[in-house]
Protein backbone atom coordinates (compact mmCIF):
# COMPACT_ATOMS: atom_id res chain seq x y z
CA MET A 1 -42.12 -11.61 -5.70
CA ASN A 2 -45.14 -9.62 -5.50
CA LEU A 3 -46.88 -8.38 -2.31
CA GLN A 4 -50.14 -10.52 -2.67
CA ASN A 5 -51.68 -9.96 0.79
CA PRO A 6 -51.56 -6.23 2.14
CA LEU A 7 -51.46 -5.94 5.91
CA GLU A 8 -54.04 -4.22 7.81
CA ILE A 9 -53.54 -2.39 11.01
CA GLU A 10 -55.95 -3.24 13.84
CA GLU A 11 -56.16 -3.10 17.63
CA GLN A 12 -55.12 -6.60 19.29
CA LYS A 13 -55.55 -7.64 22.75
CA HIS A 14 -52.73 -7.81 25.24
CA LYS A 15 -51.14 -11.28 25.44
CA LYS A 16 -50.71 -12.61 29.09
CA LEU A 17 -47.19 -13.14 29.81
CA GLU A 18 -45.71 -16.58 30.45
CA LYS A 19 -42.79 -16.68 32.89
CA HIS A 20 -40.09 -16.22 30.34
CA ASP A 21 -41.74 -13.59 28.22
CA VAL A 22 -40.98 -10.04 27.72
CA ARG A 23 -43.36 -7.49 26.71
CA ILE A 24 -41.59 -4.32 25.15
CA LYS A 25 -42.49 -0.92 23.42
CA VAL A 26 -41.44 -1.22 20.07
CA GLU A 27 -39.49 1.59 18.63
CA CYS A 28 -38.08 -0.03 15.43
CA CYS A 29 -38.59 -3.29 13.39
CA SER A 30 -36.68 -4.38 10.44
CA VAL A 31 -38.51 -5.55 7.30
CA ASN A 32 -37.13 -8.86 5.75
CA ALA A 33 -37.90 -10.90 2.49
CA SER A 34 -38.94 -13.61 4.94
CA ASP A 35 -41.80 -11.53 6.29
CA ILE A 36 -43.13 -10.73 2.78
CA MET A 37 -42.87 -14.64 2.02
CA ILE A 38 -44.90 -15.53 5.03
CA CYS A 39 -47.62 -13.06 4.28
CA ASN A 40 -47.60 -14.61 0.68
CA GLY A 41 -47.57 -18.11 1.83
CA SER A 42 -44.34 -19.26 0.27
CA TYR A 43 -42.28 -19.46 3.43
CA GLU A 44 -41.35 -22.64 5.16
CA ILE A 45 -43.74 -21.88 8.18
CA ALA A 46 -47.40 -21.17 7.85
CA PRO A 47 -48.59 -19.19 11.00
CA LYS A 48 -51.96 -19.23 12.55
CA LEU A 49 -53.95 -16.20 11.55
CA PRO A 50 -54.29 -13.32 12.66
CA PHE A 51 -50.53 -13.01 12.10
CA VAL A 52 -48.14 -10.15 12.76
CA PRO A 53 -44.91 -10.18 10.94
CA GLY A 54 -41.58 -8.78 12.00
CA TYR A 55 -38.72 -10.48 14.03
CA GLU A 56 -35.63 -8.03 14.38
CA VAL A 57 -37.21 -5.65 17.02
CA SER A 58 -35.80 -2.90 19.34
CA GLY A 59 -37.51 -0.99 21.98
CA GLU A 60 -37.94 -0.47 25.80
CA ILE A 61 -39.10 -3.14 28.34
CA LEU A 62 -42.80 -2.66 29.63
CA GLU A 63 -43.23 -5.99 31.40
CA LEU A 64 -41.52 -9.12 32.56
CA GLY A 65 -42.67 -12.56 33.27
CA SER A 66 -41.46 -14.04 36.48
CA LYS A 67 -38.43 -16.03 35.34
CA ALA A 68 -37.42 -13.29 33.03
CA ALA A 69 -37.20 -10.86 35.99
CA GLU A 70 -34.63 -13.03 37.41
CA GLY A 71 -32.07 -12.89 34.63
CA GLY A 72 -30.98 -9.45 35.01
CA LEU A 73 -33.59 -7.66 32.63
CA LYS A 74 -35.66 -4.94 34.11
CA VAL A 75 -38.42 -2.63 33.09
CA GLY A 76 -37.17 0.33 31.12
CA ASP A 77 -34.21 -1.30 29.68
CA ARG A 78 -33.42 -0.61 25.88
CA ILE A 79 -33.27 -4.02 24.17
CA VAL A 80 -32.94 -5.48 20.86
CA GLY A 81 -34.55 -8.98 20.00
CA LEU A 82 -34.74 -11.75 17.49
CA ASN A 83 -38.29 -13.00 17.55
CA LYS A 84 -38.23 -15.81 14.95
CA ASP A 85 -40.60 -18.08 16.95
CA LEU A 86 -43.25 -15.49 17.84
CA PHE A 87 -42.69 -12.52 15.24
CA SER A 88 -45.09 -9.82 16.00
CA GLY A 89 -42.75 -6.93 15.49
CA PHE A 90 -44.72 -4.97 13.15
CA ALA A 91 -46.71 -3.37 16.25
CA GLU A 92 -46.58 -1.00 18.84
CA GLU A 93 -45.89 -3.58 21.51
CA CYS A 94 -44.40 -7.09 21.14
CA VAL A 95 -43.71 -10.23 23.24
CA LEU A 96 -40.53 -11.95 23.08
CA MET A 97 -38.79 -14.79 25.01
CA ASP A 98 -36.14 -13.61 27.49
CA LYS A 99 -33.58 -15.81 25.60
CA ASP A 100 -33.87 -13.60 22.38
CA VAL A 101 -33.58 -10.57 24.18
CA TRP A 102 -30.18 -8.51 24.59
CA GLN A 103 -29.64 -5.07 26.62
CA LEU A 104 -28.60 -2.16 24.19
CA PRO A 105 -25.86 0.16 25.06
CA SER A 106 -26.89 3.73 24.58
CA GLN A 107 -24.52 4.23 21.77
CA VAL A 108 -26.33 1.76 19.64
CA LYS A 109 -29.57 3.44 18.45
CA PHE A 110 -32.78 1.49 17.90
CA ASP A 111 -32.83 1.71 14.14
CA LYS A 112 -29.18 0.56 13.92
CA ALA A 113 -29.90 -2.22 16.33
CA VAL A 114 -32.47 -4.02 13.98
CA ALA A 115 -30.36 -3.57 11.10
CA LEU A 116 -27.62 -5.26 12.97
CA VAL A 117 -28.36 -8.52 14.87
CA ASP A 118 -29.64 -11.05 12.34
CA SER A 119 -27.30 -10.19 9.44
CA TYR A 120 -24.30 -9.33 11.38
CA THR A 121 -24.51 -12.50 13.54
CA THR A 122 -25.01 -14.73 10.38
CA ALA A 123 -21.66 -13.10 8.81
CA LEU A 124 -19.78 -13.56 12.16
CA ILE A 125 -20.71 -17.28 12.61
CA GLY A 126 -19.99 -17.97 9.01
CA LEU A 127 -16.62 -15.89 8.39
CA CYS A 128 -15.25 -16.11 11.95
CA ARG A 129 -16.48 -19.23 13.73
CA ARG A 130 -16.76 -21.51 10.72
CA ALA A 131 -14.37 -20.24 8.10
CA LYS A 132 -11.60 -18.81 10.50
CA ILE A 133 -11.23 -15.59 8.54
CA LYS A 134 -7.60 -14.02 8.57
CA GLU A 135 -6.24 -10.53 7.40
CA THR A 136 -4.50 -12.34 4.56
CA ASP A 137 -7.70 -13.59 3.18
CA ILE A 138 -9.31 -12.76 0.01
CA VAL A 139 -13.11 -12.94 0.39
CA LEU A 140 -15.75 -13.08 -2.44
CA ILE A 141 -19.23 -11.93 -1.35
CA THR A 142 -22.28 -12.09 -3.28
CA ALA A 143 -25.44 -10.15 -2.91
CA GLY A 144 -23.15 -7.49 -1.29
CA ALA A 145 -25.79 -4.78 -1.23
CA GLY A 146 -28.38 -6.54 0.81
CA GLY A 147 -28.39 -6.49 4.45
CA LEU A 148 -26.54 -9.86 5.07
CA GLY A 149 -24.03 -8.95 1.94
CA LEU A 150 -23.35 -5.54 3.48
CA ALA A 151 -22.85 -7.02 7.07
CA ALA A 152 -20.54 -9.83 5.48
CA VAL A 153 -18.42 -6.86 3.67
CA ASP A 154 -18.38 -4.71 6.81
CA VAL A 155 -17.17 -7.58 9.01
CA SER A 156 -14.64 -8.99 6.45
CA ALA A 157 -13.05 -5.57 5.54
CA ASN A 158 -13.37 -3.55 8.48
CA VAL A 159 -13.08 -5.97 11.41
CA PHE A 160 -10.75 -8.62 10.06
CA ARG A 161 -9.09 -6.49 7.46
CA ALA A 162 -9.47 -8.89 4.62
CA LYS A 163 -9.42 -8.15 0.95
CA VAL A 164 -13.13 -8.33 -0.22
CA ILE A 165 -14.23 -8.76 -3.72
CA ALA A 166 -18.12 -7.87 -3.76
CA VAL A 167 -20.86 -8.59 -6.18
CA CYS A 168 -24.26 -6.63 -6.44
CA GLU A 169 -26.87 -5.84 -8.92
CA THR A 170 -25.81 -2.21 -9.96
CA GLU A 171 -23.14 0.10 -10.23
CA GLU A 172 -24.70 2.62 -7.65
CA LYS A 173 -24.90 -0.31 -5.00
CA ALA A 174 -21.35 -1.15 -5.91
CA ALA A 175 -20.20 2.45 -5.10
CA LEU A 176 -21.69 1.74 -1.75
CA LEU A 177 -19.80 -1.34 -1.33
CA ARG A 178 -16.51 0.38 -1.97
CA GLU A 179 -17.38 3.10 0.54
CA LYS A 180 -17.92 0.11 2.98
CA GLY A 181 -14.36 -1.16 2.52
CA ALA A 182 -14.69 -3.75 -0.45
CA TRP A 183 -11.50 -3.78 -2.46
CA ALA A 184 -13.38 -4.44 -5.60
CA ALA A 185 -17.18 -4.37 -6.33
CA LEU A 186 -18.53 -5.69 -9.34
CA THR A 187 -22.06 -6.04 -11.06
CA PHE A 188 -23.36 -9.35 -11.71
CA ASN A 189 -21.46 -10.88 -14.51
CA PRO A 190 -20.26 -14.59 -14.01
CA LYS A 191 -17.42 -14.22 -16.48
CA GLU A 192 -16.09 -10.96 -15.21
CA THR A 193 -16.36 -12.25 -11.70
CA VAL A 194 -14.33 -15.31 -12.20
CA LYS A 195 -11.84 -13.14 -14.38
CA LYS A 196 -11.39 -10.70 -11.38
CA CYS A 197 -11.15 -13.49 -8.84
CA ASP A 198 -8.55 -15.18 -11.14
CA GLU A 199 -6.56 -11.71 -11.63
CA VAL A 200 -6.54 -10.92 -7.75
CA THR A 201 -5.37 -14.23 -6.57
CA LYS A 202 -3.09 -15.02 -9.57
CA GLY A 203 -4.97 -18.09 -10.43
CA HIS A 204 -5.00 -19.66 -7.00
CA GLY A 205 -8.72 -18.75 -6.18
CA VAL A 206 -10.25 -17.25 -3.12
CA ARG A 207 -10.07 -18.80 0.20
CA ILE A 208 -13.49 -17.83 1.39
CA VAL A 209 -16.99 -17.36 -0.68
CA PHE A 210 -19.79 -15.83 1.20
CA ASP A 211 -23.03 -16.46 -0.72
CA SER A 212 -26.33 -15.24 -0.08
CA VAL A 213 -27.78 -15.30 -3.45
CA GLY A 214 -28.48 -19.00 -4.53
CA SER A 215 -29.74 -19.75 -8.01
CA GLU A 216 -27.41 -20.38 -11.01
CA TYR A 217 -24.99 -17.61 -9.71
CA PHE A 218 -23.88 -20.13 -6.99
CA ASN A 219 -22.42 -22.52 -9.51
CA MET A 220 -20.57 -19.65 -10.90
CA VAL A 221 -18.78 -18.65 -7.51
CA LEU A 222 -17.67 -22.45 -7.12
CA LYS A 223 -15.24 -21.47 -9.84
CA CYS A 224 -13.56 -19.03 -7.76
CA VAL A 225 -12.96 -21.04 -4.56
CA ALA A 226 -9.21 -21.99 -3.85
CA PRO A 227 -8.34 -25.77 -3.00
CA GLU A 228 -9.08 -26.17 0.80
CA GLY A 229 -11.26 -23.10 0.56
CA VAL A 230 -14.57 -22.51 2.27
CA VAL A 231 -17.96 -21.70 0.44
CA ILE A 232 -20.34 -20.17 3.04
CA VAL A 233 -24.03 -20.25 2.37
CA GLY A 234 -25.58 -17.63 4.49
CA GLY A 235 -29.03 -17.21 2.53
CA THR A 236 -30.82 -17.61 -0.70
CA ALA A 237 -31.80 -13.97 -1.71
CA SER A 238 -33.22 -15.36 -5.04
CA ARG A 239 -35.34 -17.81 -3.24
CA LEU A 240 -33.74 -20.55 -5.59
CA VAL A 241 -31.95 -22.90 -3.56
CA PRO A 242 -28.78 -24.08 -5.26
CA SER A 243 -27.93 -27.82 -5.45
CA ILE A 244 -24.58 -29.33 -5.77
CA LYS A 245 -23.33 -32.75 -6.54
CA THR A 246 -20.67 -34.06 -4.06
CA SER A 247 -18.54 -34.88 -6.97
CA GLU A 248 -18.09 -31.19 -7.57
CA LEU A 249 -16.35 -30.82 -4.01
CA LEU A 250 -13.71 -33.19 -4.93
CA PRO A 251 -11.50 -31.41 -7.86
CA ARG A 252 -10.96 -28.33 -5.58
CA SER A 253 -11.05 -29.95 -2.36
CA PHE A 254 -13.21 -27.30 -0.71
CA SER A 255 -15.72 -27.24 2.26
CA LEU A 256 -19.26 -26.31 1.83
CA ILE A 257 -20.83 -24.70 5.03
CA GLY A 258 -24.44 -23.62 5.63
CA VAL A 259 -25.30 -21.07 8.39
CA SER A 260 -28.59 -20.60 10.17
CA MET A 261 -29.40 -18.58 13.32
CA ARG A 262 -32.73 -20.39 13.73
CA ASN A 263 -30.67 -23.66 13.96
CA TYR A 264 -27.95 -22.15 16.44
CA ARG A 265 -30.98 -20.88 18.60
CA ALA A 266 -32.31 -24.50 18.87
CA SER A 267 -28.96 -26.44 18.73
CA ASN A 268 -26.28 -24.22 20.41
CA ASN A 269 -27.88 -21.42 22.59
CA ALA A 270 -24.71 -20.41 24.04
CA VAL A 271 -23.18 -19.47 20.79
CA TYR A 272 -26.51 -17.86 19.58
CA ARG A 273 -26.41 -15.70 22.75
CA GLN A 274 -22.59 -14.80 22.37
CA VAL A 275 -22.53 -13.92 18.81
CA VAL A 276 -25.39 -11.54 18.85
CA GLN A 277 -23.71 -10.00 21.99
CA ASP A 278 -20.41 -9.78 19.72
CA ALA A 279 -22.36 -7.99 17.10
CA ILE A 280 -23.74 -5.55 19.66
CA ASP A 281 -20.28 -4.87 21.21
CA MET A 282 -18.77 -4.29 17.71
CA ALA A 283 -21.44 -1.62 16.98
CA ASP A 284 -20.95 -0.19 20.35
CA GLN A 285 -17.07 0.16 19.88
CA GLY A 286 -17.72 1.69 16.25
CA LEU A 287 -16.07 -1.38 14.52
CA VAL A 288 -19.30 -2.12 12.37
CA HIS A 289 -21.82 0.40 10.86
CA PRO A 290 -25.09 -1.35 9.59
CA VAL A 291 -26.71 0.29 6.55
CA ILE A 292 -30.20 1.54 6.67
CA ALA A 293 -31.64 1.81 3.15
CA LYS A 294 -35.09 3.59 4.20
CA LYS A 295 -37.20 4.21 7.04
CA PHE A 296 -41.04 3.83 7.02
CA PRO A 297 -43.48 4.64 9.77
CA LEU A 298 -45.91 1.75 10.82
CA ASP A 299 -48.94 3.02 8.95
CA GLU A 300 -46.97 2.81 5.59
CA VAL A 301 -45.94 -0.83 6.37
CA ASN A 302 -47.37 -2.11 2.85
CA GLU A 303 -45.22 0.59 1.11
CA ALA A 304 -42.29 -0.61 3.21
CA MET A 305 -42.70 -4.38 2.07
CA GLN A 306 -43.33 -3.30 -1.34
CA TYR A 307 -40.03 -1.33 -1.21
CA VAL A 308 -38.20 -4.61 -0.34
CA THR A 309 -40.12 -6.69 -2.80
CA ASP A 310 -39.00 -4.27 -5.78
CA GLY A 311 -35.35 -4.93 -4.79
CA ASN A 312 -34.69 -1.06 -4.28
CA SER A 313 -32.94 -1.40 -0.90
CA ALA A 314 -29.16 -1.44 -0.30
CA GLY A 315 -29.15 -2.22 3.08
CA LYS A 316 -32.08 -2.69 5.84
CA VAL A 317 -35.56 -1.13 5.64
CA VAL A 318 -36.89 -0.30 8.95
CA LEU A 319 -40.15 0.53 10.40
CA THR A 320 -40.48 3.04 13.05
CA MET A 321 -43.40 3.39 15.61
CA LYS A 322 -45.00 6.39 16.74
CA HIS A 323 -46.37 6.35 20.22
CA ASP A 324 -48.91 8.55 21.91
CA ASP A 325 -47.03 8.92 25.10
């Protein structure tokens, strides 16, 4: 994926707030593959130009719409937000809807917050709510060194104490996964992964697979799942959406589960709100530790996007804002 359309930084007029809007002074915003895809015109949405990418944001509240002010938020609050409708996080100021804003405890820093909310909530919904992960489980996690994969490793190994087999691109990233709690970390090799899962489970297969790669690798991990196991599709880092025939589910009788925070926001807002709060609480209590690969100032936004595009990052890439005040 090449960065085809470099971003330009320019002044924008203030948006007038609607009643449920929250204006924040942005401190940090994560850089995600979807931001780059939107800019390249290869994403599922095509925003009206001019467009400002960025949806995982943190900062302080500057102004509240009339209804937003009735919900407990106040000017000066430290917050984190998921702005998947309005985006606009690559900026010094950003407007979100109040239902996409959560207050941050002082223990959770702005940079860690934007490395937390989307990845960890997706991992929590898939592993906890849908797969009912237990301490006795063995979990296979692909794309282990990406933001979502690292979150799944952290949640599985350090919150639920499950045994994790993680798969990633390089030995350097594998070492990081072991530091994060993975019992075994392998580089991408289909035969080796199947062999390791077979060895660890004595041929029974892993109960949970958390896949965020897609592509042909997805078909390999299906060979590792146990009868009545669960395969969670949390993302497609390869941008090659896997396909599976229903007949492939029958021999092992496993379940296939898709997880989308955007869908939960629209279809089950109570779960959406609660699971983000759960992730924040876990970080506040020191149960999870999001990994930041590298931080860039806003004026190096194109360098940050290229860094993500090149696949250099183990963890999240974060933009930081410099304010004159």
